[in-house]
Amino acid sequence: MARELPSYNIRVNTLMPGAVSGANMESILQNGTKAENPTVEEIEQENYTDVAALKRWVSLDEVARAALFFTSDLSSAVTGDW
């Protein structure tokens, strides 16, 4: 789509933040400890932070700033990126 839509002045980018900290993730981690015996920290590290490129949680603010960037004129020359 990023190659097909520029003639219509449409840019296509993808925001894929990975593990995002927040209430939803806290609930997922708590449910994981009920289903299995590992600690929240073990589940977090094994399933979310160790496999993430930055090896850490991404904050909601970081995701929001990236979304704002992609929707702003600051990214006017960016298409087909993630």
PDB file of N, CA and C in Angstrom:
ATOM      1  N   MET A   1       0.813  -1.184   0.000  1.00  0.00           N
ATOM      2  CA  MET A   1       0.000   0.000   0.000  1.00  0.00           C
ATOM      3  C   MET A   1       0.866   1.261   0.000  1.00  0.00           C
ATOM      4  N   ALA A   2       1.994   1.202   0.691  1.00  0.00           N
ATOM      5  CA  ALA A   2       2.870   2.365   0.758  1.00  0.00           C
ATOM      6  C   ALA A   2       3.402   2.746  -0.620  1.00  0.00           C
ATOM      7  N   ARG A   3       3.488   1.779  -1.509  1.00  0.00           N
ATOM      8  CA  ARG A   3       3.961   2.056  -2.871  1.00  0.00           C
ATOM      9  C   ARG A   3       2.822   2.398  -3.833  1.00  0.00           C
ATOM     10  N   GLU A   4       1.614   2.022  -3.500  1.00  0.00           N
ATOM     11  CA  GLU A   4       0.482   2.233  -4.392  1.00  0.00           C
ATOM     12  C   GLU A   4      -0.280   3.533  -4.131  1.00  0.00           C
ATOM     13  N   LEU A   5      -0.188   4.081  -2.920  1.00  0.00           N
ATOM     14  CA  LEU A   5      -1.041   5.203  -2.557  1.00  0.00           C
ATOM     15  C   LEU A   5      -0.401   6.592  -2.555  1.00  0.00           C
ATOM     16  N   PRO A   6       0.920   6.734  -2.693  1.00  0.00           N
ATOM     17  CA  PRO A   6       1.489   8.082  -2.685  1.00  0.00           C
ATOM     18  C   PRO A   6       0.910   9.016  -3.741  1.00  0.00           C
ATOM     19  N   SER A   7       0.492   8.500  -4.888  1.00  0.00           N
ATOM     20  CA  SER A   7      -0.085   9.372  -5.918  1.00  0.00           C
ATOM     21  C   SER A   7      -1.395  10.008  -5.434  1.00  0.00           C
ATOM     22  N   TYR A   8      -1.988   9.447  -4.392  1.00  0.00           N
ATOM     23  CA  TYR A   8      -3.199  10.016  -3.780  1.00  0.00           C
ATOM     24  C   TYR A   8      -2.858  10.846  -2.539  1.00  0.00           C
ATOM     25  N   ASN A   9      -1.577  11.098  -2.348  1.00  0.00           N
ATOM     26  CA  ASN A   9      -1.083  11.846  -1.187  1.00  0.00           C
ATOM     27  C   ASN A   9      -1.391  11.116   0.128  1.00  0.00           C
ATOM     28  N   ILE A  10      -1.293   9.793   0.074  1.00  0.00           N
ATOM     29  CA  ILE A  10      -1.524   8.963   1.252  1.00  0.00           C
ATOM     30  C   ILE A  10      -0.230   8.231   1.591  1.00  0.00           C
ATOM     31  N   ARG A  11       0.183   8.366   2.836  1.00  0.00           N
ATOM     32  CA  ARG A  11       1.350   7.648   3.327  1.00  0.00           C
ATOM     33  C   ARG A  11       0.877   6.485   4.191  1.00  0.00           C
ATOM     34  N   VAL A  12       1.605   5.389   4.180  1.00  0.00           N
ATOM     35  CA  VAL A  12       1.241   4.209   4.948  1.00  0.00           C
ATOM     36  C   VAL A  12       2.432   3.792   5.799  1.00  0.00           C
ATOM     37  N   ASN A  13       2.228   3.815   7.107  1.00  0.00           N
ATOM     38  CA  ASN A  13       3.245   3.388   8.049  1.00  0.00           C
ATOM     39  C   ASN A  13       2.584   2.504   9.101  1.00  0.00           C
ATOM     40  N   THR A  14       3.373   1.726   9.792  1.00  0.00           N
ATOM     41  CA  THR A  14       2.856   0.820  10.799  1.00  0.00           C
ATOM     42  C   THR A  14       3.514   1.111  12.135  1.00  0.00           C
ATOM     43  N   LEU A  15       2.725   1.135  13.172  1.00  0.00           N
ATOM     44  CA  LEU A  15       3.224   1.325  14.520  1.00  0.00           C
ATOM     45  C   LEU A  15       3.080  -0.001  15.257  1.00  0.00           C
ATOM     46  N   MET A  16       4.215  -0.630  15.558  1.00  0.00           N
ATOM     47  CA  MET A  16       4.232  -1.934  16.216  1.00  0.00           C
ATOM     48  C   MET A  16       5.105  -1.844  17.460  1.00  0.00           C
ATOM     49  N   PRO A  17       4.571  -1.346  18.568  1.00  0.00           N
ATOM     50  CA  PRO A  17       5.401  -1.049  19.735  1.00  0.00           C
ATOM     51  C   PRO A  17       5.868  -2.254  20.533  1.00  0.00           C
ATOM     52  N   GLY A  18       5.284  -3.403  20.354  1.00  0.00           N
ATOM     53  CA  GLY A  18       5.690  -4.550  21.162  1.00  0.00           C
ATOM     54  C   GLY A  18       5.046  -4.494  22.533  1.00  0.00           C
ATOM     55  N   ALA A  19       5.784  -4.847  23.572  1.00  0.00           N
ATOM     56  CA  ALA A  19       5.248  -4.893  24.929  1.00  0.00           C
ATOM     57  C   ALA A  19       5.077  -3.481  25.478  1.00  0.00           C
ATOM     58  N   VAL A  20       3.826  -3.109  25.736  1.00  0.00           N
ATOM     59  CA  VAL A  20       3.505  -1.778  26.238  1.00  0.00           C
ATOM     60  C   VAL A  20       3.028  -1.905  27.676  1.00  0.00           C
ATOM     61  N   SER A  21       3.643  -1.140  28.562  1.00  0.00           N
ATOM     62  CA  SER A  21       3.243  -1.194  29.963  1.00  0.00           C
ATOM     63  C   SER A  21       1.897  -0.511  30.150  1.00  0.00           C
ATOM     64  N   GLY A  22       1.141  -0.987  31.112  1.00  0.00           N
ATOM     65  CA  GLY A  22      -0.162  -0.394  31.396  1.00  0.00           C
ATOM     66  C   GLY A  22      -1.075  -1.378  32.100  1.00  0.00           C
ATOM     67  N   ALA A  23      -2.294  -0.939  32.359  1.00  0.00           N
ATOM     68  CA  ALA A  23      -3.254  -1.744  33.120  1.00  0.00           C
ATOM     69  C   ALA A  23      -3.580  -3.062  32.426  1.00  0.00           C
ATOM     70  N   ASN A  24      -3.729  -3.035  31.111  1.00  0.00           N
ATOM     71  CA  ASN A  24      -4.047  -4.264  30.379  1.00  0.00           C
ATOM     72  C   ASN A  24      -2.933  -5.299  30.547  1.00  0.00           C
ATOM     73  N   MET A  25      -1.699  -4.862  30.436  1.00  0.00           N
ATOM     74  CA  MET A  25      -0.569  -5.792  30.574  1.00  0.00           C
ATOM     75  C   MET A  25      -0.460  -6.302  32.008  1.00  0.00           C
ATOM     76  N   GLU A  26      -0.737  -5.455  32.980  1.00  0.00           N
ATOM     77  CA  GLU A  26      -0.718  -5.900  34.378  1.00  0.00           C
ATOM     78  C   GLU A  26      -1.723  -7.028  34.594  1.00  0.00           C
ATOM     79  N   SER A  27      -2.890  -6.906  34.004  1.00  0.00           N
ATOM     80  CA  SER A  27      -3.921  -7.939  34.106  1.00  0.00           C
ATOM     81  C   SER A  27      -3.459  -9.238  33.453  1.00  0.00           C
ATOM     82  N   ILE A  28      -2.845  -9.125  32.297  1.00  0.00           N
ATOM     83  CA  ILE A  28      -2.332 -10.311  31.593  1.00  0.00           C
ATOM     84  C   ILE A  28      -1.274 -11.019  32.438  1.00  0.00           C
ATOM     85  N   LEU A  29      -0.381 -10.254  33.042  1.00  0.00           N
ATOM     86  CA  LEU A  29       0.678 -10.846  33.870  1.00  0.00           C
ATOM     87  C   LEU A  29       0.088 -11.525  35.105  1.00  0.00           C
ATOM     88  N   GLN A  30      -0.873 -10.880  35.747  1.00  0.00           N
ATOM     89  CA  GLN A  30      -1.501 -11.470  36.932  1.00  0.00           C
ATOM     90  C   GLN A  30      -2.229 -12.767  36.583  1.00  0.00           C
ATOM     91  N   ASN A  31      -2.921 -12.786  35.444  1.00  0.00           N
ATOM     92  CA  ASN A  31      -3.613 -14.013  35.018  1.00  0.00           C
ATOM     93  C   ASN A  31      -2.621 -15.116  34.694  1.00  0.00           C
ATOM     94  N   GLY A  32      -1.453 -14.754  34.183  1.00  0.00           N
ATOM     95  CA  GLY A  32      -0.421 -15.741  33.882  1.00  0.00           C
ATOM     96  C   GLY A  32       0.105 -16.430  35.122  1.00  0.00           C
ATOM     97  N   THR A  33       0.186 -15.702  36.225  1.00  0.00           N
ATOM     98  CA  THR A  33       0.669 -16.325  37.461  1.00  0.00           C
ATOM     99  C   THR A  33      -0.373 -17.265  38.051  1.00  0.00           C
ATOM    100  N   LYS A  34      -1.645 -17.027  37.744  1.00  0.00           N
ATOM    101  CA  LYS A  34      -2.696 -17.928  38.223  1.00  0.00           C
ATOM    102  C   LYS A  34      -2.715 -19.217  37.426  1.00  0.00           C
ATOM    103  N   ALA A  35      -2.438 -19.132  36.128  1.00  0.00           N
ATOM    104  CA  ALA A  35      -2.470 -20.302  35.253  1.00  0.00           C
ATOM    105  C   ALA A  35      -1.237 -21.178  35.433  1.00  0.00           C
ATOM    106  N   GLU A  36      -0.136 -20.581  35.793  1.00  0.00           N
ATOM    107  CA  GLU A  36       1.119 -21.312  35.956  1.00  0.00           C
ATOM    108  C   GLU A  36       1.703 -20.949  37.312  1.00  0.00           C
ATOM    109  N   ASN A  37       2.921 -21.375  37.599  1.00  0.00           N
ATOM    110  CA  ASN A  37       3.547 -21.055  38.873  1.00  0.00           C
ATOM    111  C   ASN A  37       4.643 -19.989  38.813  1.00  0.00           C
ATOM    112  N   PRO A  38       5.034 -19.503  37.658  1.00  0.00           N
ATOM    113  CA  PRO A  38       6.113 -18.518  37.663  1.00  0.00           C
ATOM    114  C   PRO A  38       5.654 -17.188  38.272  1.00  0.00           C
ATOM    115  N   THR A  39       6.623 -16.388  38.653  1.00  0.00           N
ATOM    116  CA  THR A  39       6.328 -15.069  39.199  1.00  0.00           C
ATOM    117  C   THR A  39       6.009 -14.104  38.053  1.00  0.00           C
ATOM    118  N   VAL A  40       5.425 -12.973  38.410  1.00  0.00           N
ATOM    119  CA  VAL A  40       5.147 -11.931  37.421  1.00  0.00           C
ATOM    120  C   VAL A  40       6.441 -11.532  36.723  1.00  0.00           C
ATOM    121  N   GLU A  41       7.503 -11.386  37.483  1.00  0.00           N
ATOM    122  CA  GLU A  41       8.788 -10.981  36.918  1.00  0.00           C
ATOM    123  C   GLU A  41       9.317 -11.996  35.910  1.00  0.00           C
ATOM    124  N   GLU A  42       9.155 -13.284  36.196  1.00  0.00           N
ATOM    125  CA  GLU A  42       9.604 -14.331  35.274  1.00  0.00           C
ATOM    126  C   GLU A  42       8.789 -14.314  33.984  1.00  0.00           C
ATOM    127  N   ILE A  43       7.478 -14.179  34.110  1.00  0.00           N
ATOM    128  CA  ILE A  43       6.620 -14.104  32.919  1.00  0.00           C
ATOM    129  C   ILE A  43       6.973 -12.883  32.097  1.00  0.00           C
ATOM    130  N   GLU A  44       7.126 -11.743  32.772  1.00  0.00           N
ATOM    131  CA  GLU A  44       7.461 -10.482  32.096  1.00  0.00           C
ATOM    132  C   GLU A  44       8.767 -10.604  31.315  1.00  0.00           C
ATOM    133  N   GLN A  45       9.783 -11.125  31.971  1.00  0.00           N
ATOM    134  CA  GLN A  45      11.097 -11.227  31.327  1.00  0.00           C
ATOM    135  C   GLN A  45      11.089 -12.226  30.180  1.00  0.00           C
ATOM    136  N   GLU A  46      10.582 -13.415  30.400  1.00  0.00           N
ATOM    137  CA  GLU A  46      10.625 -14.478  29.393  1.00  0.00           C
ATOM    138  C   GLU A  46       9.759 -14.185  28.171  1.00  0.00           C
ATOM    139  N   ASN A  47       8.576 -13.634  28.396  1.00  0.00           N
ATOM    140  CA  ASN A  47       7.618 -13.463  27.307  1.00  0.00           C
ATOM    141  C   ASN A  47       7.560 -12.068  26.705  1.00  0.00           C
ATOM    142  N   TYR A  48       8.068 -11.077  27.397  1.00  0.00           N
ATOM    143  CA  TYR A  48       7.883  -9.711  26.912  1.00  0.00           C
ATOM    144  C   TYR A  48       9.185  -8.920  26.774  1.00  0.00           C
ATOM    145  N   THR A  49       9.954  -8.785  27.830  1.00  0.00           N
ATOM    146  CA  THR A  49      11.124  -7.910  27.719  1.00  0.00           C
ATOM    147  C   THR A  49      12.327  -8.577  27.050  1.00  0.00           C
ATOM    148  N   ASP A  50      12.585  -9.837  27.350  1.00  0.00           N
ATOM    149  CA  ASP A  50      13.741 -10.504  26.731  1.00  0.00           C
ATOM    150  C   ASP A  50      13.603 -10.631  25.216  1.00  0.00           C
ATOM    151  N   VAL A  51      12.394 -10.777  24.725  1.00  0.00           N
ATOM    152  CA  VAL A  51      12.176 -10.951  23.286  1.00  0.00           C
ATOM    153  C   VAL A  51      11.998  -9.614  22.552  1.00  0.00           C
ATOM    154  N   ALA A  52      11.894  -8.525  23.298  1.00  0.00           N
ATOM    155  CA  ALA A  52      11.724  -7.202  22.690  1.00  0.00           C
ATOM    156  C   ALA A  52      13.070  -6.654  22.228  1.00  0.00           C
ATOM    157  N   ALA A  53      13.064  -5.912  21.141  1.00  0.00           N
ATOM    158  CA  ALA A  53      14.308  -5.353  20.600  1.00  0.00           C
ATOM    159  C   ALA A  53      15.027  -4.468  21.608  1.00  0.00           C
ATOM    160  N   LEU A  54      14.273  -3.655  22.359  1.00  0.00           N
ATOM    161  CA  LEU A  54      14.883  -2.750  23.336  1.00  0.00           C
ATOM    162  C   LEU A  54      15.092  -3.395  24.701  1.00  0.00           C
ATOM    163  N   LYS A  55      14.626  -4.622  24.855  1.00  0.00           N
ATOM    164  CA  LYS A  55      14.756  -5.378  26.112  1.00  0.00           C
ATOM    165  C   LYS A  55      14.118  -4.646  27.294  1.00  0.00           C
ATOM    166  N   ARG A  56      13.011  -3.923  27.020  1.00  0.00           N
ATOM    167  CA  ARG A  56      12.318  -3.202  28.083  1.00  0.00           C
ATOM    168  C   ARG A  56      10.878  -2.943  27.649  1.00  0.00           C
ATOM    169  N   TRP A  57      10.071  -2.521  28.606  1.00  0.00           N
ATOM    170  CA  TRP A  57       8.701  -2.119  28.305  1.00  0.00           C
ATOM    171  C   TRP A  57       8.708  -0.801  27.556  1.00  0.00           C
ATOM    172  N   VAL A  58       7.727  -0.611  26.729  1.00  0.00           N
ATOM    173  CA  VAL A  58       7.509   0.665  26.051  1.00  0.00           C
ATOM    174  C   VAL A  58       6.353   1.337  26.779  1.00  0.00           C
ATOM    175  N   SER A  59       6.478   2.629  27.052  1.00  0.00           N
ATOM    176  CA  SER A  59       5.409   3.328  27.772  1.00  0.00           C
ATOM    177  C   SER A  59       4.316   3.782  26.812  1.00  0.00           C
ATOM    178  N   LEU A  60       3.140   4.003  27.361  1.00  0.00           N
ATOM    179  CA  LEU A  60       2.029   4.512  26.561  1.00  0.00           C
ATOM    180  C   LEU A  60       2.386   5.860  25.937  1.00  0.00           C
ATOM    181  N   ASP A  61       3.126   6.692  26.665  1.00  0.00           N
ATOM    182  CA  ASP A  61       3.549   7.989  26.129  1.00  0.00           C
ATOM    183  C   ASP A  61       4.458   7.832  24.917  1.00  0.00           C
ATOM    184  N   GLU A  62       5.336   6.837  24.946  1.00  0.00           N
ATOM    185  CA  GLU A  62       6.221   6.606  23.799  1.00  0.00           C
ATOM    186  C   GLU A  62       5.420   6.199  22.566  1.00  0.00           C
ATOM    187  N   VAL A  63       4.418   5.363  22.758  1.00  0.00           N
ATOM    188  CA  VAL A  63       3.570   4.942  21.639  1.00  0.00           C
ATOM    189  C   VAL A  63       2.796   6.142  21.104  1.00  0.00           C
ATOM    190  N   ALA A  64       2.259   6.951  22.004  1.00  0.00           N
ATOM    191  CA  ALA A  64       1.495   8.131  21.584  1.00  0.00           C
ATOM    192  C   ALA A  64       2.372   9.109  20.807  1.00  0.00           C
ATOM    193  N   ARG A  65       3.607   9.329  21.261  1.00  0.00           N
ATOM    194  CA  ARG A  65       4.509  10.248  20.553  1.00  0.00           C
ATOM    195  C   ARG A  65       4.855   9.713  19.163  1.00  0.00           C
ATOM    196  N   ALA A  66       5.038   8.412  19.031  1.00  0.00           N
ATOM    197  CA  ALA A  66       5.316   7.829  17.716  1.00  0.00           C
ATOM    198  C   ALA A  66       4.114   7.992  16.794  1.00  0.00           C
ATOM    199  N   ALA A  67       2.921   7.773  17.323  1.00  0.00           N
ATOM    200  CA  ALA A  67       1.705   7.942  16.519  1.00  0.00           C
ATOM    201  C   ALA A  67       1.550   9.388  16.070  1.00  0.00           C
ATOM    202  N   LEU A  68       1.822  10.319  16.967  1.00  0.00           N
ATOM    203  CA  LEU A  68       1.747  11.737  16.606  1.00  0.00           C
ATOM    204  C   LEU A  68       2.766  12.081  15.526  1.00  0.00           C
ATOM    205  N   PHE A  69       3.946  11.528  15.630  1.00  0.00           N
ATOM    206  CA  PHE A  69       4.968  11.767  14.619  1.00  0.00           C
ATOM    207  C   PHE A  69       4.483  11.298  13.246  1.00  0.00           C
ATOM    208  N   PHE A  70       3.967  10.067  13.182  1.00  0.00           N
ATOM    209  CA  PHE A  70       3.526   9.524  11.895  1.00  0.00           C
ATOM    210  C   PHE A  70       2.346  10.283  11.305  1.00  0.00           C
ATOM    211  N   THR A  71       1.542  10.911  12.140  1.00  0.00           N
ATOM    212  CA  THR A  71       0.386  11.658  11.639  1.00  0.00           C
ATOM    213  C   THR A  71       0.691  13.137  11.425  1.00  0.00           C
ATOM    214  N   SER A  72       1.899  13.558  11.748  1.00  0.00           N
ATOM    215  CA  SER A  72       2.249  14.970  11.615  1.00  0.00           C
ATOM    216  C   SER A  72       3.039  15.227  10.332  1.00  0.00           C
ATOM    217  N   ASP A  73       3.220  16.499  10.025  1.00  0.00           N
ATOM    218  CA  ASP A  73       4.036  16.891   8.874  1.00  0.00           C
ATOM    219  C   ASP A  73       5.514  16.574   9.076  1.00  0.00           C
ATOM    220  N   LEU A  74       5.931  16.312  10.311  1.00  0.00           N
ATOM    221  CA  LEU A  74       7.325  15.941  10.568  1.00  0.00           C
ATOM    222  C   LEU A  74       7.705  14.652   9.842  1.00  0.00           C
ATOM    223  N   SER A  75       6.721  13.812   9.559  1.00  0.00           N
ATOM    224  CA  SER A  75       6.998  12.543   8.870  1.00  0.00           C
ATOM    225  C   SER A  75       6.509  12.578   7.425  1.00  0.00           C
ATOM    226  N   SER A  76       6.427  13.756   6.848  1.00  0.00           N
ATOM    227  CA  SER A  76       5.875  13.892   5.486  1.00  0.00           C
ATOM    228  C   SER A  76       6.648  13.121   4.431  1.00  0.00           C
ATOM    229  N   ALA A  77       7.905  12.789   4.680  1.00  0.00           N
ATOM    230  CA  ALA A  77       8.704  12.055   3.702  1.00  0.00           C
ATOM    231  C   ALA A  77       8.839  10.577   4.076  1.00  0.00           C
ATOM    232  N   VAL A  78       8.054  10.130   5.047  1.00  0.00           N
ATOM    233  CA  VAL A  78       8.151   8.754   5.520  1.00  0.00           C
ATOM    234  C   VAL A  78       6.922   7.971   5.076  1.00  0.00           C
ATOM    235  N   THR A  79       7.150   6.869   4.376  1.00  0.00           N
ATOM    236  CA  THR A  79       6.063   5.942   4.041  1.00  0.00           C
ATOM    237  C   THR A  79       6.653   4.541   3.919  1.00  0.00           C
ATOM    238  N   GLY A  80       5.864   3.552   4.248  1.00  0.00           N
ATOM    239  CA  GLY A  80       6.337   2.169   4.204  1.00  0.00           C
ATOM    240  C   GLY A  80       7.300   1.835   5.309  1.00  0.00           C
ATOM    241  N   ASP A  81       7.159   2.491   6.451  1.00  0.00           N
ATOM    242  CA  ASP A  81       8.080   2.280   7.577  1.00  0.00           C
ATOM    243  C   ASP A  81       7.320   1.729   8.754  1.00  0.00           C
ATOM    244  N   TRP A  82       8.048   1.129   9.696  1.00  0.00           N
ATOM    245  CA  TRP A  82       7.475   0.687  10.957  1.00  0.00           C
ATOM    246  C   TRP A  82       8.493   0.818  12.040  1.00  0.00           C
TER     247      TRP A  82
END
